């Protein structure tokens, strides 16, 4: 919203509500907007937590993915000896 749009909205509000009630109405609108913003932030935080939960569970279930040095990694690979064996 640019400044011209805000001025038009204030002029319309002044005409519709009147100069006596305009400060009260603007104060109420400000409170409502703050509450909506807080509710929006809460919803976004909860959605982020829900979206991250599968990743967190996978990290807990797969200790090898995190590189946790406390857990032993499987030793399925033996070093390859590139020198030919001579008898």
PDB file of N, CA and C in Angstrom:
ATOM      1  N   UNK A   1       0.837  -1.172   0.000  1.00  0.00           N
ATOM      2  CA  UNK A   1       0.000   0.000   0.000  1.00  0.00           C
ATOM      3  C   UNK A   1       0.887   1.242   0.000  1.00  0.00           C
ATOM      4  N   UNK A   2       0.624   2.111  -0.915  1.00  0.00           N
ATOM      5  CA  UNK A   2       1.425   3.334  -0.933  1.00  0.00           C
ATOM      6  C   UNK A   2       0.714   4.427  -0.130  1.00  0.00           C
ATOM      7  N   UNK A   3       1.352   5.545  -0.008  1.00  0.00           N
ATOM      8  CA  UNK A   3       0.852   6.633   0.838  1.00  0.00           C
ATOM      9  C   UNK A   3      -0.469   7.200   0.308  1.00  0.00           C
ATOM     10  N   UNK A   4      -0.631   7.234  -1.012  1.00  0.00           N
ATOM     11  CA  UNK A   4      -1.869   7.763  -1.581  1.00  0.00           C
ATOM     12  C   UNK A   4      -3.065   6.873  -1.209  1.00  0.00           C
ATOM     13  N   UNK A   5      -2.883   5.575  -1.274  1.00  0.00           N
ATOM     14  CA  UNK A   5      -3.962   4.649  -0.906  1.00  0.00           C
ATOM     15  C   UNK A   5      -4.335   4.794   0.566  1.00  0.00           C
ATOM     16  N   UNK A   6      -3.334   4.970   1.413  1.00  0.00           N
ATOM     17  CA  UNK A   6      -3.590   5.154   2.850  1.00  0.00           C
ATOM     18  C   UNK A   6      -4.372   6.445   3.090  1.00  0.00           C
ATOM     19  N   UNK A   7      -3.986   7.512   2.401  1.00  0.00           N
ATOM     20  CA  UNK A   7      -4.700   8.784   2.551  1.00  0.00           C
ATOM     21  C   UNK A   7      -6.149   8.677   2.075  1.00  0.00           C
ATOM     22  N   UNK A   8      -6.381   7.967   0.993  1.00  0.00           N
ATOM     23  CA  UNK A   8      -7.751   7.788   0.501  1.00  0.00           C
ATOM     24  C   UNK A   8      -8.569   7.007   1.521  1.00  0.00           C
ATOM     25  N   UNK A   9      -7.983   5.940   2.075  1.00  0.00           N
ATOM     26  CA  UNK A   9      -8.697   5.152   3.089  1.00  0.00           C
ATOM     27  C   UNK A   9      -9.012   5.989   4.323  1.00  0.00           C
ATOM     28  N   UNK A  10      -8.071   6.807   4.748  1.00  0.00           N
ATOM     29  CA  UNK A  10      -8.326   7.679   5.903  1.00  0.00           C
ATOM     30  C   UNK A  10      -9.421   8.702   5.604  1.00  0.00           C
ATOM     31  N   UNK A  11      -9.436   9.240   4.387  1.00  0.00           N
ATOM     32  CA  UNK A  11     -10.474  10.208   4.023  1.00  0.00           C
ATOM     33  C   UNK A  11     -11.846   9.541   4.015  1.00  0.00           C
ATOM     34  N   UNK A  12     -11.921   8.328   3.451  1.00  0.00           N
ATOM     35  CA  UNK A  12     -13.192   7.609   3.439  1.00  0.00           C
ATOM     36  C   UNK A  12     -13.620   7.280   4.861  1.00  0.00           C
ATOM     37  N   UNK A  13     -12.681   6.846   5.692  1.00  0.00           N
ATOM     38  CA  UNK A  13     -13.012   6.533   7.087  1.00  0.00           C
ATOM     39  C   UNK A  13     -13.492   7.777   7.811  1.00  0.00           C
ATOM     40  N   UNK A  14     -12.877   8.894   7.542  1.00  0.00           N
ATOM     41  CA  UNK A  14     -13.290  10.152   8.174  1.00  0.00           C
ATOM     42  C   UNK A  14     -14.716  10.520   7.781  1.00  0.00           C
ATOM     43  N   UNK A  15     -15.056  10.322   6.518  1.00  0.00           N
ATOM     44  CA  UNK A  15     -16.405  10.635   6.044  1.00  0.00           C
ATOM     45  C   UNK A  15     -17.427   9.664   6.629  1.00  0.00           C
ATOM     46  N   UNK A  16     -17.095   8.380   6.633  1.00  0.00           N
ATOM     47  CA  UNK A  16     -18.046   7.359   7.077  1.00  0.00           C
ATOM     48  C   UNK A  16     -18.223   7.389   8.593  1.00  0.00           C
ATOM     49  N   UNK A  17     -17.133   7.450   9.335  1.00  0.00           N
ATOM     50  CA  UNK A  17     -17.186   7.332  10.795  1.00  0.00           C
ATOM     51  C   UNK A  17     -17.387   8.694  11.457  1.00  0.00           C
ATOM     52  N   UNK A  18     -16.763   9.684  10.905  1.00  0.00           N
ATOM     53  CA  UNK A  18     -16.856  11.011  11.528  1.00  0.00           C
ATOM     54  C   UNK A  18     -15.620  11.303  12.346  1.00  0.00           C
ATOM     55  N   UNK A  19     -15.325  12.584  12.536  1.00  0.00           N
ATOM     56  CA  UNK A  19     -14.095  12.966  13.238  1.00  0.00           C
ATOM     57  C   UNK A  19     -14.088  12.597  14.715  1.00  0.00           C
ATOM     58  N   UNK A  20     -15.259  12.473  15.324  1.00  0.00           N
ATOM     59  CA  UNK A  20     -15.305  12.167  16.754  1.00  0.00           C
ATOM     60  C   UNK A  20     -14.880  10.730  17.038  1.00  0.00           C
ATOM     61  N   UNK A  21     -15.328   9.808  16.201  1.00  0.00           N
ATOM     62  CA  UNK A  21     -15.079   8.375  16.453  1.00  0.00           C
ATOM     63  C   UNK A  21     -13.868   7.848  15.700  1.00  0.00           C
ATOM     64  N   UNK A  22     -13.274   8.628  14.805  1.00  0.00           N
ATOM     65  CA  UNK A  22     -12.166   8.140  13.982  1.00  0.00           C
ATOM     66  C   UNK A  22     -10.987   7.628  14.813  1.00  0.00           C
ATOM     67  N   UNK A  23     -10.519   8.344  15.845  1.00  0.00           N
ATOM     68  CA  UNK A  23      -9.398   7.813  16.636  1.00  0.00           C
ATOM     69  C   UNK A  23      -9.721   6.469  17.290  1.00  0.00           C
ATOM     70  N   UNK A  24     -10.936   6.336  17.790  1.00  0.00           N
ATOM     71  CA  UNK A  24     -11.351   5.077  18.419  1.00  0.00           C
ATOM     72  C   UNK A  24     -11.372   3.939  17.404  1.00  0.00           C
ATOM     73  N   UNK A  25     -11.909   4.220  16.223  1.00  0.00           N
ATOM     74  CA  UNK A  25     -11.990   3.189  15.178  1.00  0.00           C
ATOM     75  C   UNK A  25     -10.589   2.791  14.718  1.00  0.00           C
ATOM     76  N   UNK A  26      -9.712   3.754  14.524  1.00  0.00           N
ATOM     77  CA  UNK A  26      -8.338   3.445  14.101  1.00  0.00           C
ATOM     78  C   UNK A  26      -7.599   2.644  15.169  1.00  0.00           C
ATOM     79  N   UNK A  27      -7.837   2.954  16.416  1.00  0.00           N
ATOM     80  CA  UNK A  27      -7.224   2.203  17.505  1.00  0.00           C
ATOM     81  C   UNK A  27      -7.710   0.759  17.490  1.00  0.00           C
ATOM     82  N   UNK A  28      -9.010   0.568  17.293  1.00  0.00           N
ATOM     83  CA  UNK A  28      -9.575  -0.781  17.232  1.00  0.00           C
ATOM     84  C   UNK A  28      -9.024  -1.540  16.036  1.00  0.00           C
ATOM     85  N   UNK A  29      -8.916  -0.890  14.897  1.00  0.00           N
ATOM     86  CA  UNK A  29      -8.351  -1.533  13.705  1.00  0.00           C
ATOM     87  C   UNK A  29      -6.901  -1.940  13.964  1.00  0.00           C
ATOM     88  N   UNK A  30      -6.138  -1.095  14.633  1.00  0.00           N
ATOM     89  CA  UNK A  30      -4.750  -1.421  14.965  1.00  0.00           C
ATOM     90  C   UNK A  30      -4.648  -2.643  15.862  1.00  0.00           C
ATOM     91  N   UNK A  31      -5.525  -2.727  16.866  1.00  0.00           N
ATOM     92  CA  UNK A  31      -5.532  -3.889  17.760  1.00  0.00           C
ATOM     93  C   UNK A  31      -5.869  -5.163  17.005  1.00  0.00           C
ATOM     94  N   UNK A  32      -6.873  -5.073  16.133  1.00  0.00           N
ATOM     95  CA  UNK A  32      -7.271  -6.250  15.346  1.00  0.00           C
ATOM     96  C   UNK A  32      -6.129  -6.705  14.444  1.00  0.00           C
ATOM     97  N   UNK A  33      -5.463  -5.747  13.807  1.00  0.00           N
ATOM     98  CA  UNK A  33      -4.343  -6.105  12.932  1.00  0.00           C
ATOM     99  C   UNK A  33      -3.195  -6.748  13.715  1.00  0.00           C
ATOM    100  N   UNK A  34      -2.907  -6.245  14.914  1.00  0.00           N
ATOM    101  CA  UNK A  34      -1.862  -6.857  15.751  1.00  0.00           C
ATOM    102  C   UNK A  34      -2.233  -8.281  16.128  1.00  0.00           C
ATOM    103  N   UNK A  35      -3.503  -8.491  16.489  1.00  0.00           N
ATOM    104  CA  UNK A  35      -3.950  -9.834  16.860  1.00  0.00           C
ATOM    105  C   UNK A  35      -3.884 -10.790  15.668  1.00  0.00           C
ATOM    106  N   UNK A  36      -4.265 -10.298  14.492  1.00  0.00           N
ATOM    107  CA  UNK A  36      -4.177 -11.130  13.289  1.00  0.00           C
ATOM    108  C   UNK A  36      -2.736 -11.488  12.963  1.00  0.00           C
ATOM    109  N   UNK A  37      -1.830 -10.529  13.125  1.00  0.00           N
ATOM    110  CA  UNK A  37      -0.422 -10.793  12.853  1.00  0.00           C
ATOM    111  C   UNK A  37       0.127 -11.820  13.843  1.00  0.00           C
ATOM    112  N   UNK A  38      -0.242 -11.698  15.110  1.00  0.00           N
ATOM    113  CA  UNK A  38       0.217 -12.663  16.117  1.00  0.00           C
ATOM    114  C   UNK A  38      -0.337 -14.052  15.822  1.00  0.00           C
ATOM    115  N   UNK A  39      -1.610 -14.127  15.429  1.00  0.00           N
ATOM    116  CA  UNK A  39      -2.201 -15.425  15.089  1.00  0.00           C
ATOM    117  C   UNK A  39      -1.529 -16.014  13.858  1.00  0.00           C
ATOM    118  N   UNK A  40      -1.231 -15.182  12.887  1.00  0.00           N
ATOM    119  CA  UNK A  40      -0.558 -15.639  11.678  1.00  0.00           C
ATOM    120  C   UNK A  40       0.831 -16.181  12.008  1.00  0.00           C
ATOM    121  N   UNK A  41       1.561 -15.484  12.872  1.00  0.00           N
ATOM    122  CA  UNK A  41       2.891 -15.952  13.274  1.00  0.00           C
ATOM    123  C   UNK A  41       2.806 -17.284  14.000  1.00  0.00           C
ATOM    124  N   UNK A  42       1.788 -17.451  14.836  1.00  0.00           N
ATOM    125  CA  UNK A  42       1.607 -18.705  15.554  1.00  0.00           C
ATOM    126  C   UNK A  42       1.334 -19.849  14.584  1.00  0.00           C
ATOM    127  N   UNK A  43       0.461 -19.611  13.630  1.00  0.00           N
ATOM    128  CA  UNK A  43       0.141 -20.650  12.642  1.00  0.00           C
ATOM    129  C   UNK A  43       1.382 -20.997  11.821  1.00  0.00           C
ATOM    130  N   UNK A  44       2.129 -20.006  11.386  1.00  0.00           N
ATOM    131  CA  UNK A  44       3.339 -20.275  10.601  1.00  0.00           C
ATOM    132  C   UNK A  44       4.366 -21.053  11.414  1.00  0.00           C
ATOM    133  N   UNK A  45       4.517 -20.724  12.693  1.00  0.00           N
ATOM    134  CA  UNK A  45       5.465 -21.443  13.543  1.00  0.00           C
ATOM    135  C   UNK A  45       5.039 -22.902  13.699  1.00  0.00           C
ATOM    136  N   UNK A  46       3.736 -23.127  13.924  1.00  0.00           N
ATOM    137  CA  UNK A  46       3.247 -24.492  14.086  1.00  0.00           C
ATOM    138  C   UNK A  46       3.380 -25.288  12.795  1.00  0.00           C
ATOM    139  N   UNK A  47       3.107 -24.659  11.658  1.00  0.00           N
ATOM    140  CA  UNK A  47       3.267 -25.350  10.376  1.00  0.00           C
ATOM    141  C   UNK A  47       4.730 -25.708  10.119  1.00  0.00           C
ATOM    142  N   UNK A  48       5.623 -24.820  10.490  1.00  0.00           N
ATOM    143  CA  UNK A  48       7.052 -25.105  10.330  1.00  0.00           C
ATOM    144  C   UNK A  48       7.463 -26.275  11.208  1.00  0.00           C
ATOM    145  N   UNK A  49       6.974 -26.307  12.446  1.00  0.00           N
ATOM    146  CA  UNK A  49       7.292 -27.416  13.342  1.00  0.00           C
ATOM    147  C   UNK A  49       6.752 -28.731  12.795  1.00  0.00           C
ATOM    148  N   UNK A  50       5.533 -28.712  12.268  1.00  0.00           N
ATOM    149  CA  UNK A  50       4.943 -29.933  11.717  1.00  0.00           C
ATOM    150  C   UNK A  50       5.718 -30.378  10.483  1.00  0.00           C
ATOM    151  N   UNK A  51       6.143 -29.445   9.650  1.00  0.00           N
ATOM    152  CA  UNK A  51       6.897 -29.786   8.454  1.00  0.00           C
ATOM    153  C   UNK A  51       8.274 -30.332   8.800  1.00  0.00           C
ATOM    154  N   UNK A  52       8.874 -29.876   9.884  1.00  0.00           N
ATOM    155  CA  UNK A  52      10.198 -30.328  10.284  1.00  0.00           C
ATOM    156  C   UNK A  52      10.164 -31.646  11.051  1.00  0.00           C
ATOM    157  N   UNK A  53       9.010 -32.035  11.569  1.00  0.00           N
ATOM    158  CA  UNK A  53       8.923 -33.237  12.398  1.00  0.00           C
ATOM    159  C   UNK A  53       9.394 -34.500  11.693  1.00  0.00           C
ATOM    160  N   UNK A  54       9.003 -34.762  10.433  1.00  0.00           N
ATOM    161  CA  UNK A  54       9.518 -35.979   9.785  1.00  0.00           C
ATOM    162  C   UNK A  54      11.037 -35.992   9.672  1.00  0.00           C
ATOM    163  N   UNK A  55      11.632 -34.833   9.425  1.00  0.00           N
ATOM    164  CA  UNK A  55      13.094 -34.765   9.343  1.00  0.00           C
ATOM    165  C   UNK A  55      13.726 -35.072  10.704  1.00  0.00           C
ATOM    166  N   UNK A  56      13.111 -34.547  11.764  1.00  0.00           N
ATOM    167  CA  UNK A  56      13.631 -34.797  13.102  1.00  0.00           C
ATOM    168  C   UNK A  56      13.533 -36.274  13.447  1.00  0.00           C
ATOM    169  N   UNK A  57      12.419 -36.888  13.116  1.00  0.00           N
ATOM    170  CA  UNK A  57      12.230 -38.312  13.406  1.00  0.00           C
ATOM    171  C   UNK A  57      13.234 -39.140  12.627  1.00  0.00           C
ATOM    172  N   UNK A  58      13.457 -38.791  11.369  1.00  0.00           N
ATOM    173  CA  UNK A  58      14.435 -39.541  10.562  1.00  0.00           C
ATOM    174  C   UNK A  58      15.838 -39.417  11.151  1.00  0.00           C
ATOM    175  N   UNK A  59      16.186 -38.240  11.643  1.00  0.00           N
ATOM    176  CA  UNK A  59      17.511 -38.088  12.264  1.00  0.00           C
ATOM    177  C   UNK A  59      17.618 -38.919  13.529  1.00  0.00           C
ATOM    178  N   UNK A  60      16.527 -38.999  14.295  1.00  0.00           N
ATOM    179  CA  UNK A  60      16.552 -39.808  15.517  1.00  0.00           C
ATOM    180  C   UNK A  60      16.641 -41.291  15.198  1.00  0.00           C
ATOM    181  N   UNK A  61      15.980 -41.722  14.138  1.00  0.00           N
ATOM    182  CA  UNK A  61      15.973 -43.138  13.788  1.00  0.00           C
ATOM    183  C   UNK A  61      17.227 -43.566  13.041  1.00  0.00           C
ATOM    184  N   UNK A  62      17.904 -42.656  12.397  1.00  0.00           N
ATOM    185  CA  UNK A  62      19.085 -42.992  11.615  1.00  0.00           C
ATOM    186  C   UNK A  62      20.304 -42.256  12.165  1.00  0.00           C
ATOM    187  N   UNK A  63      20.972 -42.837  13.162  1.00  0.00           N
ATOM    188  CA  UNK A  63      22.122 -42.136  13.750  1.00  0.00           C
ATOM    189  C   UNK A  63      23.277 -41.996  12.776  1.00  0.00           C
ATOM    190  N   UNK A  64      23.327 -42.791  11.733  1.00  0.00           N
ATOM    191  CA  UNK A  64      24.426 -42.703  10.769  1.00  0.00           C
ATOM    192  C   UNK A  64      24.284 -41.471   9.890  1.00  0.00           C
ATOM    193  N   UNK A  65      23.078 -40.977   9.733  1.00  0.00           N
ATOM    194  CA  UNK A  65      22.836 -39.805   8.912  1.00  0.00           C
ATOM    195  C   UNK A  65      23.390 -38.543   9.574  1.00  0.00           C
ATOM    196  N   UNK A  66      23.385 -38.496  10.885  1.00  0.00           N
ATOM    197  CA  UNK A  66      23.829 -37.300  11.583  1.00  0.00           C
ATOM    198  C   UNK A  66      25.336 -37.261  11.765  1.00  0.00           C
ATOM    199  N   UNK A  67      26.001 -38.378  11.526  1.00  0.00           N
ATOM    200  CA  UNK A  67      27.433 -38.404  11.736  1.00  0.00           C
ATOM    201  C   UNK A  67      27.796 -38.460  13.201  1.00  0.00           C
ATOM    202  N   UNK A  68      26.926 -39.029  14.025  1.00  0.00           N
ATOM    203  CA  UNK A  68      27.155 -39.134  15.454  1.00  0.00           C
ATOM    204  C   UNK A  68      28.333 -40.078  15.695  1.00  0.00           C
ATOM    205  N   UNK A  69      29.392 -39.594  16.276  1.00  0.00           N
ATOM    206  CA  UNK A  69      30.596 -40.401  16.453  1.00  0.00           C
ATOM    207  C   UNK A  69      30.456 -41.394  17.592  1.00  0.00           C
ATOM    208  N   UNK A  70      29.424 -41.284  18.419  1.00  0.00           N
ATOM    209  CA  UNK A  70      29.245 -42.204  19.529  1.00  0.00           C
ATOM    210  C   UNK A  70      28.739 -43.558  19.067  1.00  0.00           C
ATOM    211  N   UNK A  71      28.070 -43.586  17.937  1.00  0.00           N
ATOM    212  CA  UNK A  71      27.521 -44.849  17.448  1.00  0.00           C
ATOM    213  C   UNK A  71      28.494 -45.460  16.464  1.00  0.00           C
ATOM    214  N   UNK A  72      28.607 -46.749  16.550  1.00  0.00           N
ATOM    215  CA  UNK A  72      29.523 -47.453  15.662  1.00  0.00           C
ATOM    216  C   UNK A  72      28.901 -47.576  14.285  1.00  0.00           C
ATOM    217  N   UNK A  73      29.701 -47.284  13.276  1.00  0.00           N
ATOM    218  CA  UNK A  73      29.217 -47.398  11.923  1.00  0.00           C
ATOM    219  C   UNK A  73      29.491 -48.818  11.437  1.00  0.00           C
ATOM    220  N   UNK A  74      28.638 -49.333  10.583  1.00  0.00           N
ATOM    221  CA  UNK A  74      28.855 -50.703  10.100  1.00  0.00           C
ATOM    222  C   UNK A  74      30.151 -50.792   9.315  1.00  0.00           C
ATOM    223  N   UNK A  75      30.861 -51.884   9.521  1.00  0.00           N
ATOM    224  CA  UNK A  75      32.140 -52.100   8.852  1.00  0.00           C
ATOM    225  C   UNK A  75      31.951 -53.148   7.759  1.00  0.00           C
ATOM    226  N   UNK A  76      31.218 -52.781   6.736  1.00  0.00           N
ATOM    227  CA  UNK A  76      30.956 -53.699   5.637  1.00  0.00           C
ATOM    228  C   UNK A  76      32.020 -53.627   4.569  1.00  0.00           C
ATOM    229  N   UNK A  77      32.835 -52.618   4.619  1.00  0.00           N
ATOM    230  CA  UNK A  77      33.817 -52.413   3.557  1.00  0.00           C
ATOM    231  C   UNK A  77      35.212 -52.697   4.087  1.00  0.00           C
ATOM    232  N   UNK A  78      35.912 -53.566   3.382  1.00  0.00           N
ATOM    233  CA  UNK A  78      37.317 -53.830   3.700  1.00  0.00           C
ATOM    234  C   UNK A  78      38.154 -53.074   2.692  1.00  0.00           C
ATOM    235  N   UNK A  79      39.328 -52.638   3.099  1.00  0.00           N
ATOM    236  CA  UNK A  79      40.164 -51.911   2.168  1.00  0.00           C
ATOM    237  C   UNK A  79      40.570 -52.820   0.995  1.00  0.00           C
ATOM    238  N   UNK A  80      40.603 -52.237  -0.168  1.00  0.00           N
ATOM    239  CA  UNK A  80      40.970 -52.979  -1.363  1.00  0.00           C
ATOM    240  C   UNK A  80      42.479 -52.952  -1.483  1.00  0.00           C
ATOM    241  N   UNK A  81      43.066 -54.143  -1.598  1.00  0.00           N
ATOM    242  CA  UNK A  81      44.510 -54.241  -1.771  1.00  0.00           C
ATOM    243  C   UNK A  81      44.790 -54.266  -3.255  1.00  0.00           C
ATOM    244  N   UNK A  82      45.431 -53.216  -3.739  1.00  0.00           N
ATOM    245  CA  UNK A  82      45.665 -53.113  -5.179  1.00  0.00           C
ATOM    246  C   UNK A  82      46.942 -53.819  -5.629  1.00  0.00           C
ATOM    247  N   UNK A  83      47.752 -54.293  -4.705  1.00  0.00           N
ATOM    248  CA  UNK A  83      48.969 -54.993  -5.088  1.00  0.00           C
ATOM    249  C   UNK A  83      48.650 -56.458  -5.333  1.00  0.00           C
ATOM    250  N   UNK A  84      49.166 -57.003  -6.443  1.00  0.00           N
ATOM    251  CA  UNK A  84      48.891 -58.407  -6.722  1.00  0.00           C
ATOM    252  C   UNK A  84      49.602 -59.313  -5.734  1.00  0.00           C
ATOM    253  N   UNK A  85      48.936 -60.406  -5.401  1.00  0.00           N
ATOM    254  CA  UNK A  85      49.515 -61.360  -4.453  1.00  0.00           C
ATOM    255  C   UNK A  85      50.535 -62.222  -5.182  1.00  0.00           C
ATOM    256  N   UNK A  86      51.652 -62.371  -4.561  1.00  0.00           N
ATOM    257  CA  UNK A  86      52.699 -63.252  -5.111  1.00  0.00           C
ATOM    258  C   UNK A  86      52.928 -64.377  -4.132  1.00  0.00           C
ATOM    259  N   UNK A  87      53.018 -65.593  -4.646  1.00  0.00           N
ATOM    260  CA  UNK A  87      53.217 -66.767  -3.778  1.00  0.00           C
ATOM    261  C   UNK A  87      54.634 -67.154  -3.703  1.00  0.00           C
TER     262      UNK A  87
END
